[in-house]
Amino acid sequence: MPMLKDPSTKYRLFKPIDLPNRQWPSKTLDKPPRWLATDLRDGNQSLVDPMGSTQKCRYFKMLVELGYKEIEVSFPSASETDYEFTRRLVDTPDVVPHDVALQVLSPCREDLIKRTVESVEGTKTAILHLYLATSPCFQQIVLNHSEEEGIALAVACTKRARSITKDSPSTRTHWQYEFSPETFSDSNLDFVVRICEAVKAAWEPSESNPIIFNLPATVEMSTPNVYADQIEYFCQNITERNKICVSVHAHNDRGCAVAASELGQMAGANRVEGTLFGNGERTGNVDLVTLALNLYSQGIHPKVDFSDINSVIDVVEESNNIPINPRAPYGGSLVQCAFSGSHQDAIKKGFQARKGLKDEDPWLIPYLPLDPQDIGRTYEAVIRVNSQSGKGGVAWIIQRHLELDLPRGLQIAFSKVVQQKADAVGRELLAKEIQTLFQDTYHLKGAPRFTLVDYSIAPDRSVPFIPEEGRSQNTQNSMRRFEGVVDWDRKEHKITGLGNGALSSLANALHVLGIDLDVANYSEHAIGKNKNVQAATYIECTAAGSKERVWGVGIHEDVVQASLTALLSAASSFMDSRPNTPLPVPQ
């Protein structure tokens, strides 16, 4: 069936509440909320193959190590597996730290509340979480009861829960209570306030042990600002706000769960429920990793630690049997990568500007809102190269792997070589492949067409000189004479040339072999430090009588030999570009 031409006949525009004096737009987030990780309950119930007990124990251990202090571990009345897993946590010594609260979920059914409480009795701190849907849709279609009947049910279940938890003389557990008006975002807010007031009166919370009212966007109904208005309305109208913790639990049906949760906190929520990387029913829950690192990238520590995000991803993917999207914020394998040439060039310049700064100095790198090293990743994968990449990305890889800081002209020339290679193979080029391609192109390894076998460079003394008595000949401004042997395609040639310096004298000597190159650009820098330092030399040459330009690269401990090697590298490139070049001139 095709999409409707007029969808308004089938779908209704969600009507927002009237909140003319809303305060949340002027608020900012300046501290982390209370976090509740529900991977083992809400996340697990959405899996095709739910986790087994051993997997859940491993996952629980990871959540504790990350720093989560409230963890929803099960729906004990739903299955024997969930019940046994919860008892395993409680009964096994030293598994649940003293500062970690176990949360368990039950519907508002008195016959199920007792077993839910029994599953977690004995742990130091437990949160009993009851829920009841409050939207007209659920009241009419699913529950078939009125608003007053819903309030009566919620109060009766709360009183039953209270009698066997915090009022029970035999309990060994510190109990907290959470009530969720399920489908909150699609509910009449005045009714939500009424039912929560009734539940609060039945539980009788205190400032030291507040009741948790969890206000879920069970299904995203509208834009995040509308959800924020709903949260603020509830916070303004519920009484005894100092005895209440307002929690948000946003699902991602419209792709806005992160924004809804952040705006919900600005509107007054103190607590956020979600899962790592957003696993959950349908399109999932809000992603706790994104929320935490959003805070971190704003200079606010989230009180959970993702210093080794790759190990977290390993556990999550193995447990859920669902891969993390490569574009998932922060955790995706491609989110710190740049393929675009302009992006790569900006990133490269950003890292150059950061040289000499400390890790804790202000972070300011184009296109990277977070330092990859802070979450346990390296800079190696920041720039990756395909046919869309430009000179900046290629130069970055060569600098990282070979310590060669290519001049701009060589960056442009070699990036064209890389693009041709990427087009030819039809895929991304790995850093090792680019490194090898550079070494092959500029004859740093293997057998170049030209190699320097032996040479000497000395002042030209062919001009007669009559010295003054007692003084030596001053050769400071004399021409330089190159005399040496070069190997061209495995045949040695003795050559001699004159020039103003070492390079020009070698260039002049190459004329006898039919190679006429002029040096157009020259640059060099050091590689390494102290006694192991080498010189890296880059030479751009022009061919006589044409617009052809070739580059050569030379690396050697001796600066002069590095420059001579670079010129012969350019000569090799020049000959490679002319496959029909005649044989060397006989000597």
Protein backbone atom coordinates (compact mmCIF):
# COMPACT_ATOMS: atom_id res chain seq x y z
CA MET A 1 0.00 0.00 0.00
CA PRO A 2 1.47 3.40 -0.94
CA MET A 3 1.83 6.33 1.44
CA LEU A 4 -1.37 8.35 1.80
CA LYS A 5 -1.64 11.57 -0.16
CA ASP A 6 -3.30 13.13 2.87
CA PRO A 7 -1.89 11.46 6.02
CA SER A 8 -3.95 13.79 8.25
CA THR A 9 -6.96 11.53 7.64
CA LYS A 10 -5.13 8.72 9.46
CA TYR A 11 -2.68 10.44 11.78
CA ARG A 12 -3.40 13.32 14.11
CA LEU A 13 -1.03 16.16 14.96
CA PHE A 14 0.02 15.76 18.60
CA LYS A 15 -1.41 18.60 20.65
CA PRO A 16 1.18 20.18 22.99
CA ILE A 17 0.24 21.55 26.39
CA ASP A 18 -0.15 25.26 27.02
CA LEU A 19 2.88 26.33 29.07
CA PRO A 20 3.42 30.02 28.27
CA ASN A 21 5.88 30.69 31.11
CA ARG A 22 8.14 27.70 30.56
CA GLN A 23 11.52 28.08 32.24
CA TRP A 24 13.54 25.20 30.82
CA PRO A 25 14.76 26.95 27.59
CA SER A 26 16.96 29.26 29.66
CA LYS A 27 18.49 26.41 31.68
CA THR A 28 21.74 24.56 30.96
CA LEU A 29 23.08 21.20 32.09
CA ASP A 30 25.86 21.69 34.63
CA LYS A 31 25.96 18.35 36.45
CA PRO A 32 25.24 14.68 35.72
CA PRO A 33 21.90 13.12 36.70
CA ARG A 34 21.33 9.98 38.69
CA TRP A 35 21.86 7.23 36.12
CA LEU A 36 19.82 4.03 35.92
CA ALA A 37 21.09 1.42 33.49
CA THR A 38 18.27 -0.87 32.35
CA ASP A 39 20.25 -2.97 29.86
CA LEU A 40 19.58 -6.15 31.83
CA ARG A 41 15.83 -5.58 31.94
CA ASP A 42 14.47 -3.23 29.25
CA GLY A 43 17.37 -3.94 26.91
CA ASN A 44 17.37 -7.68 27.49
CA GLN A 45 13.62 -8.13 26.99
CA SER A 46 13.94 -6.68 23.47
CA LEU A 47 16.56 -9.17 22.27
CA VAL A 48 15.78 -11.96 19.83
CA ASP A 49 17.87 -14.23 22.05
CA PRO A 50 17.86 -12.87 25.62
CA MET A 51 21.03 -13.13 27.65
CA GLY A 52 21.69 -16.15 29.79
CA SER A 53 22.64 -15.89 33.46
CA THR A 54 26.39 -15.97 32.79
CA GLN A 55 26.13 -13.26 30.15
CA LYS A 56 24.02 -11.11 32.46
CA CYS A 57 26.56 -11.49 35.27
CA ARG A 58 29.34 -10.38 32.94
CA TYR A 59 27.25 -7.41 31.80
CA PHE A 60 26.37 -6.47 35.39
CA LYS A 61 30.06 -6.54 36.33
CA MET A 62 30.84 -4.20 33.43
CA LEU A 63 28.11 -1.73 34.45
CA VAL A 64 29.50 -1.66 37.98
CA GLU A 65 33.03 -1.07 36.71
CA LEU A 66 31.78 1.78 34.52
CA GLY A 67 30.40 3.46 37.63
CA TYR A 68 26.63 2.92 37.47
CA LYS A 69 25.11 2.98 40.95
CA GLU A 70 21.52 2.04 40.04
CA ILE A 71 20.99 -0.96 37.80
CA GLU A 72 17.63 -2.44 36.80
CA VAL A 73 18.50 -6.12 36.73
CA SER A 74 15.29 -7.98 35.94
CA PHE A 75 11.54 -8.46 35.63
CA PRO A 76 11.48 -11.29 38.21
CA SER A 77 7.82 -12.22 37.89
CA ALA A 78 8.14 -12.59 34.11
CA SER A 79 10.38 -15.67 34.11
CA GLU A 80 12.19 -18.10 36.36
CA THR A 81 15.44 -17.15 34.61
CA ASP A 82 15.10 -13.52 35.69
CA TYR A 83 14.17 -14.51 39.23
CA GLU A 84 17.12 -16.90 39.59
CA PHE A 85 19.55 -14.39 38.13
CA THR A 86 18.43 -11.76 40.64
CA ARG A 87 18.83 -14.20 43.55
CA ARG A 88 22.28 -15.12 42.22
CA LEU A 89 23.34 -11.48 42.44
CA VAL A 90 21.96 -11.10 45.94
CA ASP A 91 23.26 -14.37 47.35
CA THR A 92 26.76 -14.35 45.85
CA PRO A 93 29.17 -12.51 48.17
CA ASP A 94 30.96 -9.42 46.89
CA VAL A 95 29.12 -9.31 43.55
CA VAL A 96 26.94 -6.29 44.36
CA PRO A 97 28.95 -3.41 45.87
CA HIS A 98 27.46 -1.72 48.92
CA ASP A 99 26.89 1.53 47.01
CA VAL A 100 24.99 -0.10 44.13
CA ALA A 101 21.19 -0.40 44.22
CA LEU A 102 19.42 -3.26 42.42
CA GLN A 103 16.17 -2.27 40.73
CA VAL A 104 13.44 -4.79 39.90
CA LEU A 105 10.29 -4.21 37.87
CA SER A 106 6.71 -5.35 38.37
CA PRO A 107 3.34 -4.35 36.92
CA CYS A 108 0.66 -3.08 39.26
CA ARG A 109 -0.58 -6.55 40.12
CA GLU A 110 -0.63 -7.51 43.76
CA ASP A 111 -0.06 -11.19 42.98
CA LEU A 112 3.23 -10.39 41.22
CA ILE A 113 4.61 -7.80 43.64
CA LYS A 114 5.40 -10.34 46.37
CA ARG A 115 7.60 -12.50 44.11
CA THR A 116 9.33 -9.39 42.80
CA VAL A 117 10.19 -8.32 46.34
CA GLU A 118 11.35 -11.82 47.26
CA SER A 119 13.77 -11.86 44.32
CA VAL A 120 15.83 -9.00 45.72
CA GLU A 121 15.26 -9.24 49.48
CA GLY A 122 18.57 -9.28 51.33
CA THR A 123 20.55 -6.94 49.13
CA LYS A 124 21.71 -3.76 50.85
CA THR A 125 19.66 -1.33 48.71
CA ALA A 126 16.81 -2.20 46.39
CA ILE A 127 14.48 -0.12 44.24
CA LEU A 128 11.04 -1.61 43.71
CA HIS A 129 9.67 -0.29 40.43
CA LEU A 130 5.92 -0.55 39.72
CA TYR A 131 4.25 0.71 36.58
CA LEU A 132 0.72 1.38 35.36
CA ALA A 133 -0.23 2.83 31.98
CA THR A 134 -2.08 6.14 32.24
CA SER A 135 -2.84 7.15 28.64
CA PRO A 136 -6.41 7.07 27.29
CA CYS A 137 -5.25 4.67 24.59
CA PHE A 138 -4.17 2.05 27.14
CA GLN A 139 -7.02 2.72 29.55
CA GLN A 140 -9.58 2.13 26.83
CA ILE A 141 -7.95 -0.60 24.72
CA VAL A 142 -5.62 -2.54 27.01
CA LEU A 143 -6.72 -2.08 30.64
CA ASN A 144 -10.40 -1.33 30.22
CA HIS A 145 -10.68 0.80 33.33
CA SER A 146 -11.46 4.41 34.23
CA GLU A 147 -9.10 7.01 35.66
CA GLU A 148 -10.51 6.53 39.15
CA GLU A 149 -10.12 2.77 38.90
CA GLY A 150 -6.51 3.33 37.80
CA ILE A 151 -5.81 5.50 40.84
CA ALA A 152 -7.36 2.93 43.17
CA LEU A 153 -5.24 0.16 41.65
CA ALA A 154 -2.02 2.17 41.92
CA VAL A 155 -2.72 3.03 45.56
CA ALA A 156 -3.60 -0.55 46.50
CA CYS A 157 -0.42 -1.90 44.88
CA THR A 158 1.71 0.78 46.53
CA LYS A 159 0.28 -0.06 49.95
CA ARG A 160 0.86 -3.76 49.33
CA ALA A 161 4.44 -3.03 48.26
CA ARG A 162 5.01 -0.86 51.32
CA SER A 163 3.74 -3.52 53.70
CA ILE A 164 6.26 -6.12 52.54
CA THR A 165 9.23 -3.78 52.05
CA LYS A 166 9.96 -0.73 54.16
CA ASP A 167 7.23 -1.50 56.75
CA SER A 168 8.18 -5.16 57.09
CA PRO A 169 9.93 -5.84 60.43
CA SER A 170 11.86 -8.76 58.90
CA THR A 171 13.41 -6.93 55.95
CA ARG A 172 17.19 -6.63 55.78
CA THR A 173 17.11 -4.26 52.82
CA HIS A 174 16.93 -0.50 52.48
CA TRP A 175 13.99 0.02 50.11
CA GLN A 176 13.37 2.77 47.62
CA TYR A 177 10.21 3.02 45.58
CA GLU A 178 9.69 3.99 41.95
CA PHE A 179 6.36 4.47 40.24
CA SER A 180 6.01 4.92 36.47
CA PRO A 181 2.84 6.34 34.93
CA GLU A 182 3.57 4.32 31.81
CA THR A 183 2.80 6.06 28.49
CA PHE A 184 3.25 9.37 30.33
CA SER A 185 4.00 11.32 27.15
CA ASP A 186 0.56 10.40 25.74
CA SER A 187 -1.35 10.94 28.99
CA ASN A 188 -3.54 13.66 30.43
CA LEU A 189 -1.04 15.47 32.65
CA ASP A 190 -3.57 16.50 35.27
CA PHE A 191 -4.49 12.84 35.67
CA VAL A 192 -0.81 11.90 35.93
CA VAL A 193 -0.37 14.44 38.72
CA ARG A 194 -3.45 13.09 40.53
CA ILE A 195 -2.37 9.46 40.38
CA CYS A 196 1.17 10.32 41.48
CA GLU A 197 -0.16 12.39 44.39
CA ALA A 198 -2.21 9.39 45.49
CA VAL A 199 0.76 7.03 45.18
CA LYS A 200 2.96 9.44 47.10
CA ALA A 201 0.46 9.67 49.92
CA ALA A 202 0.29 5.88 50.11
CA TRP A 203 4.09 5.46 50.24
CA GLU A 204 4.88 8.50 52.42
CA PRO A 205 8.37 9.40 51.16
CA SER A 206 10.84 11.61 52.98
CA GLU A 207 13.54 14.04 51.92
CA SER A 208 16.21 11.48 52.82
CA ASN A 209 14.44 8.70 50.90
CA PRO A 210 12.40 10.38 48.13
CA ILE A 211 9.96 8.54 45.92
CA ILE A 212 11.00 8.20 42.27
CA PHE A 213 8.40 9.22 39.73
CA ASN A 214 9.61 7.94 36.37
CA LEU A 215 7.92 9.78 33.49
CA PRO A 216 8.53 7.70 30.37
CA ALA A 217 8.19 8.63 26.75
CA THR A 218 7.11 5.03 26.24
CA VAL A 219 6.48 5.97 22.63
CA GLU A 220 7.83 9.27 21.33
CA MET A 221 4.76 11.28 20.44
CA SER A 222 6.20 14.64 19.40
CA THR A 223 9.29 16.82 19.40
CA PRO A 224 11.65 16.93 22.43
CA ASN A 225 10.53 20.41 23.46
CA VAL A 226 6.99 19.09 23.97
CA TYR A 227 8.33 16.34 26.27
CA ALA A 228 10.29 19.00 28.19
CA ASP A 229 7.09 21.03 28.63
CA GLN A 230 5.37 17.93 30.02
CA ILE A 231 8.19 17.33 32.51
CA GLU A 232 8.19 20.95 33.65
CA TYR A 233 4.41 20.93 34.05
CA PHE A 234 4.62 17.86 36.26
CA CYS A 235 7.42 19.37 38.36
CA GLN A 236 5.45 22.58 38.83
CA ASN A 237 2.21 20.87 39.85
CA ILE A 238 3.27 17.92 42.01
CA THR A 239 3.44 18.77 45.71
CA GLU A 240 6.30 18.09 48.12
CA ARG A 241 8.83 18.38 45.33
CA ASN A 242 11.65 18.00 47.89
CA LYS A 243 10.49 14.45 48.55
CA ILE A 244 10.45 13.46 44.88
CA CYS A 245 13.06 12.40 42.36
CA VAL A 246 11.78 12.96 38.82
CA SER A 247 13.15 10.44 36.35
CA VAL A 248 12.94 10.34 32.54
CA HIS A 249 12.91 7.23 30.37
CA ALA A 250 12.84 8.18 26.71
CA HIS A 251 12.38 5.79 23.82
CA ASN A 252 13.69 6.63 20.38
CA ASP A 253 10.72 6.18 18.04
CA ARG A 254 11.29 9.57 16.39
CA GLY A 255 15.09 9.48 16.80
CA CYS A 256 15.03 12.20 19.47
CA ALA A 257 15.58 10.28 22.72
CA VAL A 258 18.89 11.96 23.53
CA ALA A 259 17.51 15.45 22.96
CA ALA A 260 14.33 14.61 24.89
CA SER A 261 16.34 13.35 27.87
CA GLU A 262 18.60 16.39 27.92
CA LEU A 263 15.71 18.84 27.64
CA GLY A 264 13.85 16.79 30.25
CA GLN A 265 16.70 17.38 32.68
CA MET A 266 16.64 21.09 31.90
CA ALA A 267 12.91 20.98 32.70
CA GLY A 268 13.52 19.52 36.17
CA ALA A 269 14.29 15.80 35.92
CA ASN A 270 16.98 14.52 38.32
CA ARG A 271 17.42 11.03 36.95
CA VAL A 272 17.78 9.29 33.56
CA GLU A 273 17.03 5.68 32.66
CA GLY A 274 18.49 4.15 29.52
CA THR A 275 20.83 1.58 28.02
CA LEU A 276 24.33 1.51 26.59
CA PHE A 277 24.17 2.41 22.90
CA GLY A 278 20.38 2.59 23.07
CA ASN A 279 19.31 -1.05 22.91
CA GLY A 280 15.61 -1.56 23.64
CA GLU A 281 12.16 -2.26 22.24
CA ARG A 282 11.44 -1.05 18.68
CA THR A 283 13.92 1.76 17.98
CA GLY A 284 15.46 1.44 21.42
CA ASN A 285 15.97 3.41 24.62
CA VAL A 286 17.98 6.55 25.06
CA ASP A 287 21.72 5.92 24.67
CA LEU A 288 23.48 6.41 28.02
CA VAL A 289 26.90 6.53 26.32
CA THR A 290 25.88 9.51 24.20
CA LEU A 291 24.33 11.33 27.16
CA ALA A 292 27.42 10.78 29.31
CA LEU A 293 29.95 11.83 26.68
CA ASN A 294 27.83 14.82 25.65
CA LEU A 295 28.35 16.06 29.21
CA TYR A 296 32.03 15.15 29.18
CA SER A 297 32.65 17.05 25.94
CA GLN A 298 31.15 20.12 27.65
CA GLY A 299 33.62 19.88 30.53
CA ILE A 300 31.26 18.07 32.94
CA HIS A 301 32.36 14.68 34.23
CA PRO A 302 29.40 12.28 33.94
CA LYS A 303 30.55 10.11 36.89
CA VAL A 304 30.72 7.08 34.62
CA ASP A 305 33.94 6.09 32.90
CA PHE A 306 34.25 5.25 29.20
CA SER A 307 38.05 5.46 29.07
CA ASP A 308 38.12 2.10 27.26
CA ILE A 309 35.06 2.34 25.04
CA ASN A 310 36.18 -0.48 22.75
CA SER A 311 36.05 -3.05 25.56
CA VAL A 312 32.53 -1.83 26.42
CA ILE A 313 31.50 -2.25 22.79
CA ASP A 314 32.89 -5.79 22.78
CA VAL A 315 30.73 -6.82 25.74
CA VAL A 316 27.61 -5.06 24.46
CA GLU A 317 27.86 -6.57 20.98
CA GLU A 318 28.57 -10.08 22.26
CA SER A 319 25.76 -9.92 24.83
CA ASN A 320 23.10 -8.38 22.60
CA ASN A 321 24.23 -10.06 19.39
CA ILE A 322 23.62 -6.70 17.70
CA PRO A 323 26.47 -4.70 16.16
CA ILE A 324 26.98 -1.07 17.16
CA ASN A 325 26.16 1.16 14.21
CA PRO A 326 29.41 2.48 12.66
CA ARG A 327 27.90 5.97 12.87
CA ALA A 328 26.70 5.70 16.48
CA PRO A 329 27.80 8.82 18.39
CA TYR A 330 31.18 8.42 20.09
CA GLY A 331 31.23 4.61 19.94
CA GLY A 332 30.78 3.93 16.23
CA SER A 333 33.84 2.73 14.32
CA LEU A 334 33.60 5.63 11.84
CA VAL A 335 32.64 8.57 14.04
CA GLN A 336 36.19 9.79 14.60
CA CYS A 337 37.14 9.16 10.95
CA ALA A 338 37.35 11.65 8.10
CA PHE A 339 37.38 10.65 4.43
CA SER A 340 36.64 14.06 2.89
CA GLY A 341 39.70 15.93 1.71
CA SER A 342 38.68 19.29 3.19
CA HIS A 343 37.86 17.68 6.53
CA GLN A 344 41.17 15.85 6.58
CA ASP A 345 43.12 18.99 5.81
CA ALA A 346 41.40 20.88 8.63
CA ILE A 347 42.02 18.06 11.11
CA LYS A 348 45.69 17.84 10.11
CA LYS A 349 46.12 21.57 10.67
CA GLY A 350 44.36 21.26 14.01
CA PHE A 351 46.79 18.62 15.22
CA GLN A 352 49.73 20.67 14.00
CA ALA A 353 48.46 23.63 16.00
CA ARG A 354 48.16 21.40 19.08
CA LYS A 355 51.80 20.32 19.05
CA GLY A 356 53.50 21.12 22.34
CA LEU A 357 50.26 21.34 24.32
CA LYS A 358 49.41 19.12 27.27
CA ASP A 359 46.62 16.53 27.18
CA GLU A 360 44.52 18.62 29.57
CA ASP A 361 44.90 21.86 27.59
CA PRO A 362 41.71 23.14 25.88
CA TRP A 363 40.69 20.91 22.98
CA LEU A 364 40.16 22.70 19.69
CA ILE A 365 40.39 20.40 16.67
CA PRO A 366 38.12 20.88 13.63
CA TYR A 367 35.46 18.18 13.21
CA LEU A 368 36.47 16.35 16.42
CA PRO A 369 34.35 17.45 19.41
CA LEU A 370 36.09 14.89 21.65
CA ASP A 371 39.71 13.76 21.87
CA PRO A 372 39.62 10.09 20.75
CA GLN A 373 42.35 9.26 23.26
CA ASP A 374 40.02 10.16 26.16
CA ILE A 375 37.88 7.14 25.32
CA GLY A 376 40.77 4.80 24.64
CA ARG A 377 41.13 5.26 20.91
CA THR A 378 44.19 6.31 18.93
CA TYR A 379 44.66 8.93 16.27
CA GLU A 380 45.55 6.29 13.66
CA ALA A 381 41.96 5.90 12.43
CA VAL A 382 41.04 9.59 12.57
CA ILE A 383 41.94 10.08 8.91
CA ARG A 384 41.20 7.33 6.41
CA VAL A 385 41.72 7.54 2.69
CA ASN A 386 39.55 6.67 -0.29
CA SER A 387 39.02 8.24 -3.70
CA GLN A 388 37.27 11.23 -2.09
CA SER A 389 40.22 12.08 0.13
CA GLY A 390 42.58 14.98 -0.46
CA LYS A 391 46.13 15.99 0.22
CA GLY A 392 45.63 16.68 3.93
CA GLY A 393 44.59 13.16 4.82
CA VAL A 394 47.33 11.56 2.77
CA ALA A 395 49.95 13.87 4.28
CA TRP A 396 48.68 13.06 7.78
CA ILE A 397 49.19 9.34 7.26
CA ILE A 398 52.68 9.79 5.81
CA GLN A 399 53.61 12.05 8.71
CA ARG A 400 52.25 9.61 11.30
CA HIS A 401 53.87 6.52 9.79
CA LEU A 402 57.07 7.77 8.15
CA GLU A 403 57.68 11.02 10.09
CA LEU A 404 57.80 12.91 6.80
CA ASP A 405 56.30 16.40 6.78
CA LEU A 406 55.53 16.75 3.08
CA PRO A 407 55.62 20.20 1.46
CA ARG A 408 52.32 21.34 0.02
CA GLY A 409 53.29 20.72 -3.60
CA LEU A 410 54.29 17.14 -2.86
CA GLN A 411 51.07 16.62 -0.89
CA ILE A 412 49.10 17.60 -3.97
CA ALA A 413 51.19 15.45 -6.31
CA PHE A 414 51.07 12.33 -4.15
CA SER A 415 47.36 12.71 -3.33
CA LYS A 416 46.67 12.33 -7.07
CA VAL A 417 48.64 9.08 -7.05
CA VAL A 418 46.60 7.88 -4.09
CA GLN A 419 43.29 8.83 -5.70
CA GLN A 420 44.21 6.92 -8.85
CA LYS A 421 45.08 3.88 -6.77
CA ALA A 422 41.87 4.11 -4.74
CA ASP A 423 39.81 4.42 -7.91
CA ALA A 424 41.60 1.42 -9.39
CA VAL A 425 40.95 -0.87 -6.42
CA GLY A 426 37.50 0.60 -5.70
CA ARG A 427 37.86 0.79 -1.91
CA GLU A 428 39.48 2.56 1.01
CA LEU A 429 43.29 2.38 1.13
CA LEU A 430 44.80 1.25 4.40
CA ALA A 431 47.54 3.31 6.04
CA LYS A 432 50.10 0.59 5.35
CA GLU A 433 49.13 0.57 1.68
CA ILE A 434 49.56 4.35 1.44
CA GLN A 435 52.92 4.13 3.15
CA THR A 436 54.09 1.47 0.68
CA LEU A 437 52.69 3.44 -2.25
CA PHE A 438 54.69 6.51 -1.19
CA GLN A 439 57.88 4.52 -0.78
CA ASP A 440 57.42 2.93 -4.21
CA THR A 441 56.47 6.17 -5.95
CA TYR A 442 59.47 8.08 -4.66
CA HIS A 443 61.92 5.17 -4.73
CA LEU A 444 62.62 4.97 -1.00
CA LYS A 445 62.70 1.19 -1.15
CA GLY A 446 63.36 -1.32 -3.85
CA ALA A 447 65.39 -0.48 -6.98
CA PRO A 448 65.08 3.08 -8.36
CA ARG A 449 66.14 3.79 -11.94
CA PHE A 450 69.05 5.90 -10.60
CA THR A 451 71.26 5.27 -7.58
CA LEU A 452 74.34 7.10 -6.38
CA VAL A 453 77.31 4.71 -6.33
CA ASP A 454 80.17 7.11 -5.52
CA TYR A 455 80.77 10.83 -5.66
CA SER A 456 82.90 13.77 -4.63
CA ILE A 457 82.08 17.47 -4.65
CA ALA A 458 84.84 20.02 -4.50
CA PRO A 459 85.50 23.63 -5.52
CA ASP A 460 86.28 24.03 -9.18
CA ARG A 461 89.99 24.87 -9.49
CA SER A 462 90.15 24.94 -13.29
CA VAL A 463 90.53 28.73 -13.29
CA PRO A 464 94.21 29.74 -12.76
CA PHE A 465 94.92 31.30 -9.37
CA ILE A 466 98.01 33.19 -8.27
CA PRO A 467 97.95 33.25 -4.48
CA GLU A 468 99.37 36.05 -2.42
CA GLU A 469 102.41 35.11 -0.44
CA GLY A 470 101.45 33.17 2.66
CA ARG A 471 97.69 32.92 1.82
CA SER A 472 95.52 30.04 0.54
CA GLN A 473 93.10 30.18 -2.34
CA ASN A 474 89.61 31.40 -1.22
CA THR A 475 87.05 29.08 -2.82
CA GLN A 476 84.01 30.43 -1.00
CA ASN A 477 82.44 31.77 -4.19
CA SER A 478 83.84 29.16 -6.55
CA MET A 479 81.71 26.87 -8.66
CA ARG A 480 81.34 23.31 -7.39
CA ARG A 481 82.45 20.30 -9.40
CA PHE A 482 80.56 17.00 -9.08
CA GLU A 483 82.45 13.87 -10.03
CA GLY A 484 80.84 10.54 -9.45
CA VAL A 485 79.31 7.30 -10.59
CA VAL A 486 75.58 6.70 -10.93
CA ASP A 487 73.85 3.43 -11.65
CA TRP A 488 71.13 3.73 -14.29
CA ASP A 489 69.10 0.58 -14.73
CA ARG A 490 71.99 -1.59 -13.46
CA LYS A 491 74.62 0.05 -15.64
CA GLU A 492 77.22 2.38 -14.12
CA HIS A 493 78.04 5.77 -15.66
CA LYS A 494 80.80 8.16 -14.71
CA ILE A 495 79.51 11.73 -14.82
CA THR A 496 80.94 15.18 -14.15
CA GLY A 497 79.23 18.52 -13.79
CA LEU A 498 79.62 22.13 -12.61
CA GLY A 499 77.17 24.21 -10.64
CA ASN A 500 76.73 26.76 -7.89
CA GLY A 501 76.28 23.99 -5.31
CA ALA A 502 75.95 20.27 -4.84
CA LEU A 503 72.49 19.96 -6.42
CA SER A 504 73.12 22.17 -9.44
CA SER A 505 76.43 20.41 -10.15
CA LEU A 506 74.70 16.98 -10.12
CA ALA A 507 71.88 18.32 -12.30
CA ASN A 508 74.50 19.59 -14.74
CA ALA A 509 76.27 16.22 -14.69
CA LEU A 510 73.03 14.42 -15.61
CA HIS A 511 72.89 16.34 -18.91
CA VAL A 512 75.40 13.91 -20.39
CA LEU A 513 72.79 11.16 -19.86
CA GLY A 514 70.14 13.17 -21.68
CA ILE A 515 68.34 14.20 -18.49
CA ASP A 516 67.71 17.93 -18.25
CA LEU A 517 66.06 18.85 -14.94
CA ASP A 518 65.95 22.16 -13.11
CA VAL A 519 65.31 22.40 -9.37
CA ALA A 520 62.12 24.40 -8.81
CA ASN A 521 61.46 23.77 -5.09
CA TYR A 522 63.58 22.46 -2.26
CA SER A 523 62.79 21.77 1.39
CA GLU A 524 64.20 19.63 4.15
CA HIS A 525 63.70 18.75 7.80
CA ALA A 526 65.18 16.46 10.41
CA ILE A 527 63.81 13.03 11.33
CA GLY A 528 64.48 11.75 14.82
CA LYS A 529 66.61 13.28 17.55
CA ASN A 530 70.11 13.24 18.96
CA LYS A 531 72.58 10.83 17.35
CA ASN A 532 69.95 9.04 15.28
CA VAL A 533 68.84 12.11 13.36
CA GLN A 534 68.40 11.90 9.60
CA ALA A 535 67.74 14.50 6.94
CA ALA A 536 64.63 14.28 4.77
CA THR A 537 64.87 16.26 1.54
CA TYR A 538 62.12 17.05 -0.96
CA ILE A 539 62.91 18.36 -4.45
CA GLU A 540 60.53 19.43 -7.20
CA CYS A 541 62.06 19.53 -10.66
CA THR A 542 60.91 20.84 -13.99
CA ALA A 543 61.83 19.19 -17.26
CA ALA A 544 63.44 21.39 -19.89
CA GLY A 545 61.18 22.28 -22.78
CA SER A 546 57.96 21.06 -21.09
CA LYS A 547 55.59 21.83 -18.25
CA GLU A 548 56.22 18.44 -16.67
CA ARG A 549 57.06 18.51 -12.95
CA VAL A 550 58.39 15.63 -10.92
CA TRP A 551 59.16 15.19 -7.22
CA GLY A 552 61.97 13.34 -5.55
CA VAL A 553 62.52 12.36 -1.92
CA GLY A 554 65.81 11.53 -0.24
CA ILE A 555 66.53 10.35 3.31
CA HIS A 556 70.04 10.00 4.70
CA GLU A 557 72.16 10.74 7.75
CA ASP A 558 74.21 13.13 5.60
CA VAL A 559 72.33 16.25 4.51
CA VAL A 560 74.20 16.57 1.19
CA GLN A 561 73.67 12.95 0.25
CA ALA A 562 69.98 13.21 1.16
CA SER A 563 69.60 16.08 -1.32
CA LEU A 564 71.53 14.25 -4.06
CA THR A 565 69.40 11.15 -3.50
CA ALA A 566 66.25 13.29 -3.75
CA LEU A 567 67.40 14.68 -7.11
CA LEU A 568 68.08 11.17 -8.44
CA SER A 569 64.67 10.13 -7.12
CA ALA A 570 63.17 12.91 -9.23
CA ALA A 571 65.25 11.72 -12.19
CA SER A 572 63.90 8.19 -11.71
CA SER A 573 60.34 9.58 -11.65
CA PHE A 574 61.11 11.57 -14.78
CA MET A 575 62.27 8.45 -16.61
CA ASP A 576 59.30 6.41 -15.31
CA SER A 577 56.97 8.99 -16.83
CA ARG A 578 58.60 8.45 -20.25
CA PRO A 579 58.40 4.73 -21.05
CA ASN A 580 59.93 5.21 -24.54
CA THR A 581 63.06 7.00 -23.29
CA PRO A 582 66.11 5.98 -25.39
CA LEU A 583 69.02 4.09 -23.94
CA PRO A 584 71.72 6.07 -22.12
CA VAL A 585 74.21 7.97 -24.23
CA PRO A 586 77.37 5.80 -24.60
CA GLN A 587 80.31 6.93 -22.44
